[in-house]
Amino acid sequence: MNVPNSLTILRIFFVPLLVVVLLTRSPNVILWGVHVRFEVWGVLILAIAATTDWLDGYLARRRGEVTTLGILLDPIADKLLISAAFISMVDMSLVPAWMVVIIIGREFTVLGLRNIASAEGMIIEASALGKTKMVLQVVAACAVILGRRQAELKMPATILLWLVVLSAILSAIQYFLKFWSQVDGRVKERRLGLRILERRKKSQDVATP
C-alpha cells in the first residue's frame, strides 16, 4: 500500500477517536501547567485528519500514485470525518440537527450522483465551491467546538456554520445541474443512435425484394 492510501486510511481511523473525545468530553489534562480541555484535543484531531486529506491528494499526484483504491476511499473518508464531527456536535447541543441533516445529506447525495456518473462513464468536475467546501466545514467545526468555552468565537462560529449550510445547498445544486446536463446529453445521444438504427433498418427492409 502506498503512502497516499495509508494517509487516507489513517484519516478513517481518526473518525472513532474524534467521536470518543467529543462525546466522552475527555481527556482534560494539565500539560506543562496548562489545562488542556477535550475541546482542544478534538480540534487537534480534526485538524490533523483534515491535513491528511490535502496531503494524500498532493502526494498521489506528485508521485504518480493515484490508484482506484485511493479514488474510492478518499471521498468516503472525508464524508465519514465530517459526518462524525457534526453529528457529535449535535449530541453536544452545539449545532442544530436540521443544519447537520442538510450538510450530511448533501455529502451522500453528491457521492451517490458521482457513483452513478462514474458507472455511466461520465466525469463531473467539482466546482470551485465544492473544492473549498471541506476547508470551510473543518474551520467551522473547529470554531464551533472551541466556541463552547470561548464566548468571542461563538459569533464567528455561527457565521461560518451558516456559510457551510449555504455552500452545501449551492454546491449540491451546481453538481445536480451538471449531472443532469450530462445525463440529458447522454440520453439524447442514445435516442439519436436508435433513430439512426431504425432508419437504416427501414432502408434495408425497403431495399430487400
N, C-alpha and C. Protein backbone atom coordinates (compact mmCIF):
# COMPACT_ATOMS: atom_id res chain seq x y z
N MET A 1 0.85 -1.20 0.00
CA MET A 1 0.00 0.00 0.00
C MET A 1 0.88 1.25 0.00
N ASN A 2 0.56 2.20 -0.88
CA ASN A 2 1.39 3.40 -0.97
C ASN A 2 1.06 4.41 0.13
N VAL A 3 1.88 5.45 0.21
CA VAL A 3 1.74 6.46 1.27
C VAL A 3 0.41 7.21 1.20
N PRO A 4 -0.02 7.71 0.02
CA PRO A 4 -1.30 8.41 -0.04
C PRO A 4 -2.47 7.59 0.48
N ASN A 5 -2.53 6.32 0.09
CA ASN A 5 -3.62 5.46 0.55
C ASN A 5 -3.53 5.21 2.05
N SER A 6 -2.30 5.10 2.56
CA SER A 6 -2.11 4.93 4.01
C SER A 6 -2.63 6.14 4.78
N LEU A 7 -2.40 7.33 4.24
CA LEU A 7 -2.90 8.56 4.87
C LEU A 7 -4.42 8.60 4.85
N THR A 8 -5.01 8.14 3.77
CA THR A 8 -6.48 8.11 3.68
C THR A 8 -7.06 7.16 4.72
N ILE A 9 -6.45 5.99 4.86
CA ILE A 9 -6.91 5.02 5.87
C ILE A 9 -6.69 5.57 7.28
N LEU A 10 -5.58 6.28 7.48
CA LEU A 10 -5.33 6.91 8.77
C LEU A 10 -6.44 7.90 9.10
N ARG A 11 -6.90 8.64 8.11
CA ARG A 11 -7.98 9.59 8.32
C ARG A 11 -9.26 8.88 8.77
N ILE A 12 -9.50 7.71 8.23
CA ILE A 12 -10.67 6.93 8.64
C ILE A 12 -10.53 6.49 10.10
N PHE A 13 -9.32 6.12 10.51
CA PHE A 13 -9.10 5.71 11.90
C PHE A 13 -9.25 6.88 12.87
N PHE A 14 -9.07 8.11 12.38
CA PHE A 14 -9.26 9.28 13.23
C PHE A 14 -10.73 9.49 13.59
N VAL A 15 -11.64 8.95 12.77
CA VAL A 15 -13.07 9.19 12.96
C VAL A 15 -13.57 8.70 14.32
N PRO A 16 -13.38 7.41 14.69
CA PRO A 16 -13.85 6.97 16.01
C PRO A 16 -13.13 7.68 17.15
N LEU A 17 -11.86 8.01 16.96
CA LEU A 17 -11.12 8.72 18.00
C LEU A 17 -11.74 10.09 18.26
N LEU A 18 -12.11 10.79 17.19
CA LEU A 18 -12.75 12.10 17.31
C LEU A 18 -14.08 11.98 18.04
N VAL A 19 -14.86 10.98 17.69
CA VAL A 19 -16.17 10.78 18.32
C VAL A 19 -16.02 10.50 19.81
N VAL A 20 -15.08 9.65 20.17
CA VAL A 20 -14.85 9.32 21.58
C VAL A 20 -14.46 10.55 22.38
N VAL A 21 -13.54 11.34 21.84
CA VAL A 21 -13.08 12.55 22.54
C VAL A 21 -14.22 13.53 22.74
N LEU A 22 -15.02 13.77 21.71
CA LEU A 22 -16.09 14.76 21.80
C LEU A 22 -17.25 14.29 22.67
N LEU A 23 -17.63 13.03 22.54
CA LEU A 23 -18.81 12.55 23.26
C LEU A 23 -18.53 12.18 24.71
N THR A 24 -17.30 11.80 25.02
CA THR A 24 -16.96 11.49 26.42
C THR A 24 -16.46 12.71 27.16
N ARG A 25 -16.26 13.81 26.41
CA ARG A 25 -15.75 15.06 26.99
C ARG A 25 -14.44 14.83 27.74
N SER A 26 -13.58 14.05 27.15
CA SER A 26 -12.29 13.77 27.77
C SER A 26 -11.28 13.47 26.64
N PRO A 27 -9.96 13.61 26.90
CA PRO A 27 -9.35 13.88 28.21
C PRO A 27 -9.27 15.38 28.52
N ASN A 28 -9.24 15.68 29.81
CA ASN A 28 -8.96 17.03 30.29
C ASN A 28 -7.71 16.92 31.16
N VAL A 29 -6.59 17.35 30.63
CA VAL A 29 -5.31 17.13 31.31
C VAL A 29 -4.56 18.45 31.46
N ILE A 30 -3.56 18.41 32.33
CA ILE A 30 -2.69 19.57 32.52
C ILE A 30 -1.32 19.25 31.94
N LEU A 31 -0.91 20.01 30.95
CA LEU A 31 0.40 19.83 30.32
C LEU A 31 1.23 21.07 30.54
N TRP A 32 2.37 20.88 31.18
CA TRP A 32 3.28 22.00 31.47
C TRP A 32 2.56 23.17 32.13
N GLY A 33 1.67 22.80 33.04
CA GLY A 33 0.96 23.82 33.80
C GLY A 33 -0.24 24.41 33.10
N VAL A 34 -0.54 23.93 31.89
CA VAL A 34 -1.68 24.45 31.13
C VAL A 34 -2.79 23.41 31.08
N HIS A 35 -4.01 23.84 31.45
CA HIS A 35 -5.15 22.93 31.44
C HIS A 35 -5.65 22.77 30.00
N VAL A 36 -5.40 21.62 29.43
CA VAL A 36 -5.81 21.35 28.04
C VAL A 36 -7.11 20.54 28.08
N ARG A 37 -8.20 21.17 27.69
CA ARG A 37 -9.50 20.52 27.75
C ARG A 37 -9.76 19.69 26.49
N PHE A 38 -10.81 18.89 26.57
CA PHE A 38 -11.10 17.94 25.48
C PHE A 38 -11.41 18.64 24.17
N GLU A 39 -11.95 19.88 24.24
CA GLU A 39 -12.24 20.60 23.01
C GLU A 39 -10.98 20.81 22.17
N VAL A 40 -9.88 21.09 22.86
CA VAL A 40 -8.61 21.31 22.16
C VAL A 40 -8.15 20.02 21.48
N TRP A 41 -8.29 18.90 22.20
CA TRP A 41 -7.91 17.61 21.61
C TRP A 41 -8.77 17.30 20.39
N GLY A 42 -10.07 17.59 20.51
CA GLY A 42 -10.97 17.34 19.38
C GLY A 42 -10.58 18.16 18.16
N VAL A 43 -10.26 19.43 18.38
CA VAL A 43 -9.86 20.30 17.27
C VAL A 43 -8.54 19.83 16.66
N LEU A 44 -7.61 19.40 17.50
CA LEU A 44 -6.33 18.90 17.00
C LEU A 44 -6.52 17.66 16.12
N ILE A 45 -7.35 16.74 16.60
CA ILE A 45 -7.62 15.53 15.82
C ILE A 45 -8.26 15.88 14.49
N LEU A 46 -9.24 16.77 14.53
CA LEU A 46 -9.94 17.17 13.32
C LEU A 46 -9.00 17.88 12.35
N ALA A 47 -8.15 18.75 12.87
CA ALA A 47 -7.21 19.49 12.02
C ALA A 47 -6.18 18.56 11.39
N ILE A 48 -5.65 17.63 12.18
CA ILE A 48 -4.66 16.68 11.65
C ILE A 48 -5.29 15.79 10.58
N ALA A 49 -6.50 15.31 10.87
CA ALA A 49 -7.20 14.46 9.90
C ALA A 49 -7.47 15.21 8.61
N ALA A 50 -7.87 16.47 8.73
CA ALA A 50 -8.14 17.28 7.54
C ALA A 50 -6.86 17.54 6.75
N THR A 51 -5.75 17.68 7.45
CA THR A 51 -4.47 17.89 6.78
C THR A 51 -4.08 16.68 5.93
N THR A 52 -4.40 15.48 6.42
CA THR A 52 -4.10 14.28 5.64
C THR A 52 -4.91 14.25 4.35
N ASP A 53 -6.07 14.91 4.35
CA ASP A 53 -6.89 14.97 3.14
C ASP A 53 -6.15 15.73 2.04
N TRP A 54 -5.54 16.83 2.41
CA TRP A 54 -4.76 17.60 1.43
C TRP A 54 -3.48 16.86 1.06
N LEU A 55 -2.83 16.28 2.07
CA LEU A 55 -1.53 15.65 1.86
C LEU A 55 -1.61 14.41 0.99
N ASP A 56 -2.64 13.58 1.20
CA ASP A 56 -2.71 12.35 0.39
C ASP A 56 -2.96 12.67 -1.09
N GLY A 57 -3.78 13.69 -1.35
CA GLY A 57 -4.01 14.09 -2.73
C GLY A 57 -2.77 14.67 -3.37
N TYR A 58 -2.05 15.49 -2.61
CA TYR A 58 -0.82 16.11 -3.12
C TYR A 58 0.23 15.05 -3.45
N LEU A 59 0.43 14.11 -2.52
CA LEU A 59 1.44 13.07 -2.73
C LEU A 59 1.06 12.14 -3.88
N ALA A 60 -0.23 11.83 -3.97
CA ALA A 60 -0.68 10.93 -5.05
C ALA A 60 -0.40 11.53 -6.42
N ARG A 61 -0.66 12.83 -6.55
CA ARG A 61 -0.41 13.50 -7.84
C ARG A 61 1.08 13.70 -8.08
N ARG A 62 1.79 14.09 -7.04
CA ARG A 62 3.22 14.39 -7.17
C ARG A 62 4.03 13.14 -7.49
N ARG A 63 3.67 12.03 -6.87
CA ARG A 63 4.44 10.79 -7.04
C ARG A 63 3.82 9.85 -8.07
N GLY A 64 2.74 10.28 -8.69
CA GLY A 64 2.10 9.43 -9.69
C GLY A 64 1.53 8.16 -9.10
N GLU A 65 0.96 8.28 -7.89
CA GLU A 65 0.43 7.11 -7.19
C GLU A 65 -1.09 7.18 -7.02
N VAL A 66 -1.75 7.75 -8.01
CA VAL A 66 -3.21 7.79 -7.99
C VAL A 66 -3.73 6.38 -8.30
N THR A 67 -4.49 5.81 -7.38
CA THR A 67 -4.98 4.44 -7.54
C THR A 67 -6.50 4.40 -7.44
N THR A 68 -7.07 3.30 -7.91
CA THR A 68 -8.52 3.12 -7.83
C THR A 68 -8.97 3.09 -6.37
N LEU A 69 -8.16 2.43 -5.52
CA LEU A 69 -8.49 2.37 -4.09
C LEU A 69 -8.52 3.76 -3.48
N GLY A 70 -7.54 4.58 -3.83
CA GLY A 70 -7.49 5.94 -3.31
C GLY A 70 -8.67 6.78 -3.77
N ILE A 71 -9.01 6.65 -5.05
CA ILE A 71 -10.15 7.38 -5.60
C ILE A 71 -11.44 6.98 -4.90
N LEU A 72 -11.54 5.70 -4.53
CA LEU A 72 -12.74 5.19 -3.85
C LEU A 72 -12.79 5.63 -2.40
N LEU A 73 -11.66 5.49 -1.69
CA LEU A 73 -11.64 5.73 -0.25
C LEU A 73 -11.61 7.20 0.14
N ASP A 74 -10.98 8.04 -0.67
CA ASP A 74 -10.79 9.44 -0.28
C ASP A 74 -12.10 10.18 0.01
N PRO A 75 -13.08 10.17 -0.90
CA PRO A 75 -14.34 10.86 -0.58
C PRO A 75 -15.10 10.22 0.57
N ILE A 76 -14.97 8.89 0.71
CA ILE A 76 -15.64 8.21 1.83
C ILE A 76 -15.03 8.66 3.15
N ALA A 77 -13.70 8.73 3.20
CA ALA A 77 -13.01 9.18 4.42
C ALA A 77 -13.41 10.60 4.78
N ASP A 78 -13.49 11.47 3.78
CA ASP A 78 -13.90 12.86 4.02
C ASP A 78 -15.29 12.93 4.62
N LYS A 79 -16.21 12.18 4.05
CA LYS A 79 -17.59 12.24 4.49
C LYS A 79 -17.77 11.62 5.86
N LEU A 80 -17.03 10.57 6.15
CA LEU A 80 -17.08 9.97 7.49
C LEU A 80 -16.57 10.95 8.54
N LEU A 81 -15.48 11.63 8.22
CA LEU A 81 -14.89 12.59 9.17
C LEU A 81 -15.85 13.74 9.45
N ILE A 82 -16.37 14.35 8.40
CA ILE A 82 -17.28 15.49 8.56
C ILE A 82 -18.57 15.05 9.26
N SER A 83 -19.10 13.89 8.87
CA SER A 83 -20.32 13.39 9.50
C SER A 83 -20.12 13.15 10.98
N ALA A 84 -18.99 12.53 11.33
CA ALA A 84 -18.70 12.25 12.74
C ALA A 84 -18.60 13.53 13.55
N ALA A 85 -17.92 14.53 12.99
CA ALA A 85 -17.74 15.80 13.70
C ALA A 85 -19.08 16.50 13.94
N PHE A 86 -19.89 16.62 12.90
CA PHE A 86 -21.14 17.37 13.03
C PHE A 86 -22.20 16.62 13.82
N ILE A 87 -22.27 15.30 13.68
CA ILE A 87 -23.23 14.52 14.48
C ILE A 87 -22.85 14.60 15.96
N SER A 88 -21.56 14.55 16.25
CA SER A 88 -21.10 14.68 17.64
C SER A 88 -21.48 16.05 18.20
N MET A 89 -21.38 17.09 17.37
CA MET A 89 -21.72 18.43 17.83
C MET A 89 -23.22 18.59 18.07
N VAL A 90 -24.03 17.81 17.35
CA VAL A 90 -25.47 17.81 17.63
C VAL A 90 -25.72 17.22 19.01
N ASP A 91 -25.04 16.12 19.31
CA ASP A 91 -25.17 15.49 20.63
C ASP A 91 -24.70 16.42 21.75
N MET A 92 -23.73 17.27 21.43
CA MET A 92 -23.22 18.23 22.41
C MET A 92 -24.06 19.50 22.47
N SER A 93 -25.14 19.54 21.69
CA SER A 93 -26.05 20.70 21.62
C SER A 93 -25.33 21.96 21.14
N LEU A 94 -24.38 21.78 20.23
CA LEU A 94 -23.64 22.91 19.68
C LEU A 94 -24.16 23.34 18.31
N VAL A 95 -24.81 22.41 17.62
CA VAL A 95 -25.29 22.67 16.26
C VAL A 95 -26.72 22.14 16.13
N PRO A 96 -27.62 22.92 15.50
CA PRO A 96 -28.99 22.42 15.27
C PRO A 96 -28.98 21.19 14.36
N ALA A 97 -29.82 20.23 14.69
CA ALA A 97 -29.85 18.98 13.93
C ALA A 97 -30.21 19.20 12.47
N TRP A 98 -31.10 20.17 12.19
CA TRP A 98 -31.54 20.38 10.81
C TRP A 98 -30.39 20.84 9.92
N MET A 99 -29.46 21.61 10.50
CA MET A 99 -28.30 22.05 9.73
C MET A 99 -27.43 20.85 9.34
N VAL A 100 -27.25 19.96 10.30
CA VAL A 100 -26.41 18.78 10.06
C VAL A 100 -27.06 17.86 9.03
N VAL A 101 -28.38 17.76 9.06
CA VAL A 101 -29.08 16.95 8.06
C VAL A 101 -28.80 17.48 6.65
N ILE A 102 -28.81 18.80 6.50
CA ILE A 102 -28.52 19.41 5.19
C ILE A 102 -27.08 19.14 4.78
N ILE A 103 -26.15 19.35 5.72
CA ILE A 103 -24.72 19.18 5.42
C ILE A 103 -24.40 17.74 5.03
N ILE A 104 -24.84 16.80 5.86
CA ILE A 104 -24.53 15.39 5.61
C ILE A 104 -25.35 14.86 4.43
N GLY A 105 -26.60 15.30 4.34
CA GLY A 105 -27.44 14.88 3.21
C GLY A 105 -26.82 15.27 1.89
N ARG A 106 -26.25 16.47 1.84
CA ARG A 106 -25.58 16.92 0.62
C ARG A 106 -24.41 16.01 0.28
N GLU A 107 -23.62 15.66 1.30
CA GLU A 107 -22.43 14.85 1.07
C GLU A 107 -22.77 13.52 0.42
N PHE A 108 -23.76 12.83 0.98
CA PHE A 108 -24.07 11.50 0.48
C PHE A 108 -24.90 11.53 -0.80
N THR A 109 -25.66 12.61 -1.00
CA THR A 109 -26.38 12.77 -2.27
C THR A 109 -25.40 12.94 -3.42
N VAL A 110 -24.42 13.81 -3.22
CA VAL A 110 -23.41 14.04 -4.26
C VAL A 110 -22.57 12.79 -4.49
N LEU A 111 -22.26 12.07 -3.41
CA LEU A 111 -21.49 10.83 -3.54
C LEU A 111 -22.27 9.83 -4.39
N GLY A 112 -23.58 9.73 -4.16
CA GLY A 112 -24.41 8.83 -4.94
C GLY A 112 -24.46 9.22 -6.41
N LEU A 113 -24.62 10.52 -6.67
CA LEU A 113 -24.64 11.00 -8.06
C LEU A 113 -23.31 10.76 -8.74
N ARG A 114 -22.21 10.96 -7.98
CA ARG A 114 -20.89 10.74 -8.55
C ARG A 114 -20.70 9.27 -8.94
N ASN A 115 -21.19 8.36 -8.10
CA ASN A 115 -21.06 6.94 -8.39
C ASN A 115 -21.88 6.56 -9.63
N ILE A 116 -23.08 7.15 -9.74
CA ILE A 116 -23.92 6.89 -10.92
C ILE A 116 -23.23 7.40 -12.18
N ALA A 117 -22.69 8.61 -12.08
CA ALA A 117 -22.00 9.21 -13.23
C ALA A 117 -20.80 8.36 -13.64
N SER A 118 -20.05 7.89 -12.65
CA SER A 118 -18.87 7.06 -12.93
C SER A 118 -19.27 5.76 -13.62
N ALA A 119 -20.37 5.16 -13.13
CA ALA A 119 -20.83 3.90 -13.72
C ALA A 119 -21.26 4.09 -15.17
N GLU A 120 -21.71 5.30 -15.50
CA GLU A 120 -22.15 5.61 -16.87
C GLU A 120 -21.01 6.16 -17.73
N GLY A 121 -19.81 6.20 -17.14
CA GLY A 121 -18.66 6.69 -17.89
C GLY A 121 -18.59 8.19 -18.01
N MET A 122 -19.28 8.89 -17.11
CA MET A 122 -19.29 10.35 -17.14
C MET A 122 -18.38 10.91 -16.05
N ILE A 123 -17.72 12.00 -16.35
CA ILE A 123 -16.86 12.67 -15.38
C ILE A 123 -17.43 14.06 -15.11
N ILE A 124 -17.81 14.30 -13.86
CA ILE A 124 -18.37 15.60 -13.49
C ILE A 124 -17.35 16.31 -12.60
N GLU A 125 -16.77 17.37 -13.11
CA GLU A 125 -15.75 18.09 -12.37
C GLU A 125 -16.36 18.86 -11.20
N ALA A 126 -15.63 18.87 -10.09
CA ALA A 126 -16.09 19.61 -8.92
C ALA A 126 -15.96 21.11 -9.17
N SER A 127 -16.93 21.86 -8.66
CA SER A 127 -16.88 23.31 -8.82
C SER A 127 -15.90 23.90 -7.81
N ALA A 128 -15.56 25.17 -8.00
CA ALA A 128 -14.66 25.84 -7.05
C ALA A 128 -15.26 25.84 -5.66
N LEU A 129 -16.58 26.00 -5.59
CA LEU A 129 -17.27 25.98 -4.30
C LEU A 129 -17.16 24.62 -3.65
N GLY A 130 -17.30 23.58 -4.45
CA GLY A 130 -17.20 22.23 -3.92
C GLY A 130 -15.81 21.91 -3.41
N LYS A 131 -14.78 22.45 -4.09
CA LYS A 131 -13.40 22.18 -3.69
C LYS A 131 -13.04 22.85 -2.36
N THR A 132 -13.63 24.01 -2.08
CA THR A 132 -13.32 24.73 -0.83
C THR A 132 -14.24 24.31 0.31
N LYS A 133 -15.23 23.49 0.00
CA LYS A 133 -16.23 23.10 0.99
C LYS A 133 -15.62 22.40 2.19
N MET A 134 -14.70 21.47 1.95
CA MET A 134 -14.09 20.69 3.03
C MET A 134 -13.35 21.61 4.01
N VAL A 135 -12.60 22.56 3.47
CA VAL A 135 -11.86 23.50 4.32
C VAL A 135 -12.83 24.31 5.17
N LEU A 136 -13.89 24.80 4.55
CA LEU A 136 -14.88 25.60 5.27
C LEU A 136 -15.56 24.79 6.36
N GLN A 137 -15.86 23.53 6.07
CA GLN A 137 -16.50 22.66 7.05
C GLN A 137 -15.60 22.42 8.26
N VAL A 138 -14.33 22.17 8.00
CA VAL A 138 -13.38 21.91 9.10
C VAL A 138 -13.18 23.15 9.95
N VAL A 139 -13.00 24.30 9.30
CA VAL A 139 -12.82 25.55 10.05
C VAL A 139 -14.05 25.85 10.89
N ALA A 140 -15.23 25.67 10.30
CA ALA A 140 -16.48 25.91 11.04
C ALA A 140 -16.61 24.97 12.23
N ALA A 141 -16.31 23.69 12.02
CA ALA A 141 -16.41 22.71 13.10
C ALA A 141 -15.44 23.05 14.24
N CYS A 142 -14.22 23.43 13.89
CA CYS A 142 -13.23 23.80 14.91
C CYS A 142 -13.70 25.03 15.69
N ALA A 143 -14.24 26.02 14.98
CA ALA A 143 -14.71 27.24 15.64
C ALA A 143 -15.88 26.94 16.57
N VAL A 144 -16.79 26.07 16.14
CA VAL A 144 -17.94 25.71 16.97
C VAL A 144 -17.50 24.98 18.23
N ILE A 145 -16.57 24.04 18.07
CA ILE A 145 -16.10 23.27 19.23
C ILE A 145 -15.38 24.17 20.23
N LEU A 146 -14.48 25.00 19.73
CA LEU A 146 -13.75 25.91 20.63
C LEU A 146 -14.67 26.98 21.20
N GLY A 147 -15.71 27.35 20.44
CA GLY A 147 -16.66 28.36 20.92
C GLY A 147 -17.51 27.89 22.08
N ARG A 148 -17.42 26.61 22.40
CA ARG A 148 -18.16 26.07 23.55
C ARG A 148 -17.73 26.75 24.84
N ARG A 149 -16.45 27.11 24.92
CA ARG A 149 -15.93 27.78 26.12
C ARG A 149 -15.46 29.20 25.83
N GLN A 150 -15.17 29.50 24.57
CA GLN A 150 -14.68 30.83 24.22
C GLN A 150 -15.83 31.66 23.64
N ALA A 151 -16.36 32.56 24.45
CA ALA A 151 -17.54 33.34 24.04
C ALA A 151 -17.27 34.17 22.79
N GLU A 152 -16.03 34.65 22.64
CA GLU A 152 -15.71 35.51 21.50
C GLU A 152 -15.73 34.75 20.17
N LEU A 153 -15.73 33.42 20.23
CA LEU A 153 -15.75 32.62 19.00
C LEU A 153 -17.16 32.23 18.58
N LYS A 154 -18.13 32.46 19.43
CA LYS A 154 -19.49 31.99 19.13
C LYS A 154 -20.09 32.67 17.91
N MET A 155 -19.93 33.97 17.79
CA MET A 155 -20.49 34.68 16.64
C MET A 155 -19.79 34.27 15.34
N PRO A 156 -18.43 34.28 15.29
CA PRO A 156 -17.76 33.80 14.07
C PRO A 156 -18.13 32.36 13.73
N ALA A 157 -18.28 31.52 14.77
CA ALA A 157 -18.64 30.11 14.54
C ALA A 157 -20.03 30.00 13.92
N THR A 158 -20.95 30.83 14.39
CA THR A 158 -22.31 30.82 13.85
C THR A 158 -22.32 31.25 12.39
N ILE A 159 -21.55 32.30 12.09
CA ILE A 159 -21.46 32.78 10.70
C ILE A 159 -20.87 31.70 9.80
N LEU A 160 -19.80 31.07 10.27
CA LEU A 160 -19.16 30.01 9.48
C LEU A 160 -20.12 28.84 9.26
N LEU A 161 -20.89 28.54 10.29
CA LEU A 161 -21.84 27.43 10.19
C LEU A 161 -22.91 27.71 9.12
N TRP A 162 -23.40 28.93 9.10
CA TRP A 162 -24.37 29.31 8.08
C TRP A 162 -23.74 29.28 6.68
N LEU A 163 -22.47 29.67 6.59
CA LEU A 163 -21.78 29.61 5.30
C LEU A 163 -21.63 28.17 4.83
N VAL A 164 -21.39 27.25 5.77
CA VAL A 164 -21.28 25.83 5.42
C VAL A 164 -22.61 25.33 4.87
N VAL A 165 -23.70 25.67 5.54
CA VAL A 165 -25.03 25.24 5.08
C VAL A 165 -25.34 25.82 3.70
N LEU A 166 -25.04 27.11 3.53
CA LEU A 166 -25.30 27.76 2.25
C LEU A 166 -24.46 27.14 1.13
N SER A 167 -23.18 26.89 1.42
CA SER A 167 -22.30 26.29 0.41
C SER A 167 -22.73 24.86 0.09
N ALA A 168 -23.26 24.15 1.10
CA ALA A 168 -23.74 22.79 0.87
C ALA A 168 -24.91 22.79 -0.10
N ILE A 169 -25.84 23.73 0.10
CA ILE A 169 -27.02 23.81 -0.77
C ILE A 169 -26.62 24.23 -2.18
N LEU A 170 -25.81 25.28 -2.29
CA LEU A 170 -25.43 25.80 -3.60
C LEU A 170 -24.58 24.81 -4.39
N SER A 171 -23.60 24.18 -3.72
CA SER A 171 -22.74 23.23 -4.42
C SER A 171 -23.52 21.99 -4.84
N ALA A 172 -24.52 21.59 -4.03
CA ALA A 172 -25.36 20.45 -4.40
C ALA A 172 -26.18 20.78 -5.64
N ILE A 173 -26.72 21.99 -5.70
CA ILE A 173 -27.49 22.42 -6.87
C ILE A 173 -26.59 22.45 -8.11
N GLN A 174 -25.38 23.01 -7.96
CA GLN A 174 -24.43 23.07 -9.07
C GLN A 174 -24.11 21.67 -9.59
N TYR A 175 -23.84 20.76 -8.66
CA TYR A 175 -23.47 19.40 -9.05
C TYR A 175 -24.63 18.70 -9.74
N PHE A 176 -25.85 18.89 -9.19
CA PHE A 176 -27.01 18.24 -9.78
C PHE A 176 -27.26 18.75 -11.20
N LEU A 177 -27.11 20.06 -11.41
CA LEU A 177 -27.32 20.63 -12.74
C LEU A 177 -26.30 20.08 -13.74
N LYS A 178 -25.03 19.96 -13.29
CA LYS A 178 -24.01 19.38 -14.17
C LYS A 178 -24.33 17.91 -14.46
N PHE A 179 -24.74 17.20 -13.43
CA PHE A 179 -25.10 15.78 -13.58
C PHE A 179 -26.26 15.63 -14.56
N TRP A 180 -27.31 16.43 -14.36
CA TRP A 180 -28.48 16.33 -15.22
C TRP A 180 -28.16 16.71 -16.65
N SER A 181 -27.31 17.72 -16.82
CA SER A 181 -26.92 18.15 -18.16
C SER A 181 -26.23 17.02 -18.91
N GLN A 182 -25.31 16.32 -18.21
CA GLN A 182 -24.60 15.22 -18.87
C GLN A 182 -25.52 14.03 -19.13
N VAL A 183 -26.39 13.74 -18.16
CA VAL A 183 -27.34 12.63 -18.34
C VAL A 183 -28.28 12.93 -19.50
N ASP A 184 -28.78 14.17 -19.55
CA ASP A 184 -29.69 14.57 -20.63
C ASP A 184 -28.99 14.46 -21.99
N GLY A 185 -27.71 14.89 -22.02
CA GLY A 185 -26.95 14.79 -23.26
C GLY A 185 -26.74 13.34 -23.67
N ARG A 186 -26.47 12.48 -22.68
CA ARG A 186 -26.27 11.06 -22.97
C ARG A 186 -27.56 10.42 -23.49
N VAL A 187 -28.70 10.79 -22.89
CA VAL A 187 -29.99 10.25 -23.33
C VAL A 187 -30.29 10.68 -24.76
N LYS A 188 -30.02 11.95 -25.08
CA LYS A 188 -30.26 12.45 -26.43
C LYS A 188 -29.38 11.72 -27.44
N GLU A 189 -28.12 11.44 -27.06
CA GLU A 189 -27.22 10.71 -27.95
C GLU A 189 -27.75 9.30 -28.22
N ARG A 190 -28.26 8.65 -27.16
CA ARG A 190 -28.79 7.30 -27.33
C ARG A 190 -30.04 7.31 -28.21
N ARG A 191 -30.90 8.31 -28.00
CA ARG A 191 -32.11 8.41 -28.82
C ARG A 191 -31.75 8.63 -30.29
N LEU A 192 -30.75 9.50 -30.52
CA LEU A 192 -30.31 9.76 -31.89
C LEU A 192 -29.75 8.49 -32.52
N GLY A 193 -28.97 7.74 -31.72
CA GLY A 193 -28.41 6.49 -32.21
C GLY A 193 -29.49 5.49 -32.57
N LEU A 194 -30.54 5.41 -31.73
CA LEU A 194 -31.65 4.49 -32.00
C LEU A 194 -32.41 4.90 -33.27
N ARG A 195 -32.59 6.21 -33.45
CA ARG A 195 -33.28 6.69 -34.65
C ARG A 195 -32.50 6.34 -35.91
N ILE A 196 -31.17 6.50 -35.84
CA ILE A 196 -30.32 6.18 -36.99
C ILE A 196 -30.42 4.69 -37.32
N LEU A 197 -30.40 3.86 -36.27
CA LEU A 197 -30.52 2.41 -36.48
C LEU A 197 -31.87 2.04 -37.08
N GLU A 198 -32.93 2.71 -36.60
CA GLU A 198 -34.27 2.43 -37.13
C GLU A 198 -34.37 2.81 -38.61
N ARG A 199 -33.77 3.97 -38.96
CA ARG A 199 -33.80 4.41 -40.35
C ARG A 199 -33.03 3.44 -41.25
N ARG A 200 -31.88 2.98 -40.75
CA ARG A 200 -31.08 2.02 -41.53
C ARG A 200 -31.85 0.72 -41.72
N LYS A 201 -32.55 0.31 -40.65
CA LYS A 201 -33.31 -0.94 -40.74
C LYS A 201 -34.45 -0.80 -41.74
N LYS A 202 -35.13 0.36 -41.71
CA LYS A 202 -36.21 0.60 -42.66
C LYS A 202 -35.69 0.63 -44.09
N SER A 203 -34.52 1.26 -44.27
CA SER A 203 -33.92 1.34 -45.60
C SER A 203 -33.58 -0.05 -46.12
N GLN A 204 -33.07 -0.90 -45.22
CA GLN A 204 -32.73 -2.26 -45.62
C GLN A 204 -33.98 -3.06 -45.96
N ASP A 205 -35.06 -2.82 -45.18
CA ASP A 205 -36.32 -3.55 -45.44
C ASP A 205 -36.90 -3.15 -46.80
N VAL A 206 -36.80 -1.85 -47.12
CA VAL A 206 -37.31 -1.36 -48.40
C VAL A 206 -36.48 -1.91 -49.56
N ALA A 207 -35.17 -1.97 -49.34
CA ALA A 207 -34.27 -2.43 -50.40
C ALA A 207 -34.38 -3.92 -50.64
N THR A 208 -34.84 -4.66 -49.62
CA THR A 208 -34.95 -6.12 -49.75
C THR A 208 -36.19 -6.46 -50.57
N PRO A 209 -36.06 -7.20 -51.66
CA PRO A 209 -37.21 -7.54 -52.51
C PRO A 209 -38.12 -8.57 -51.83
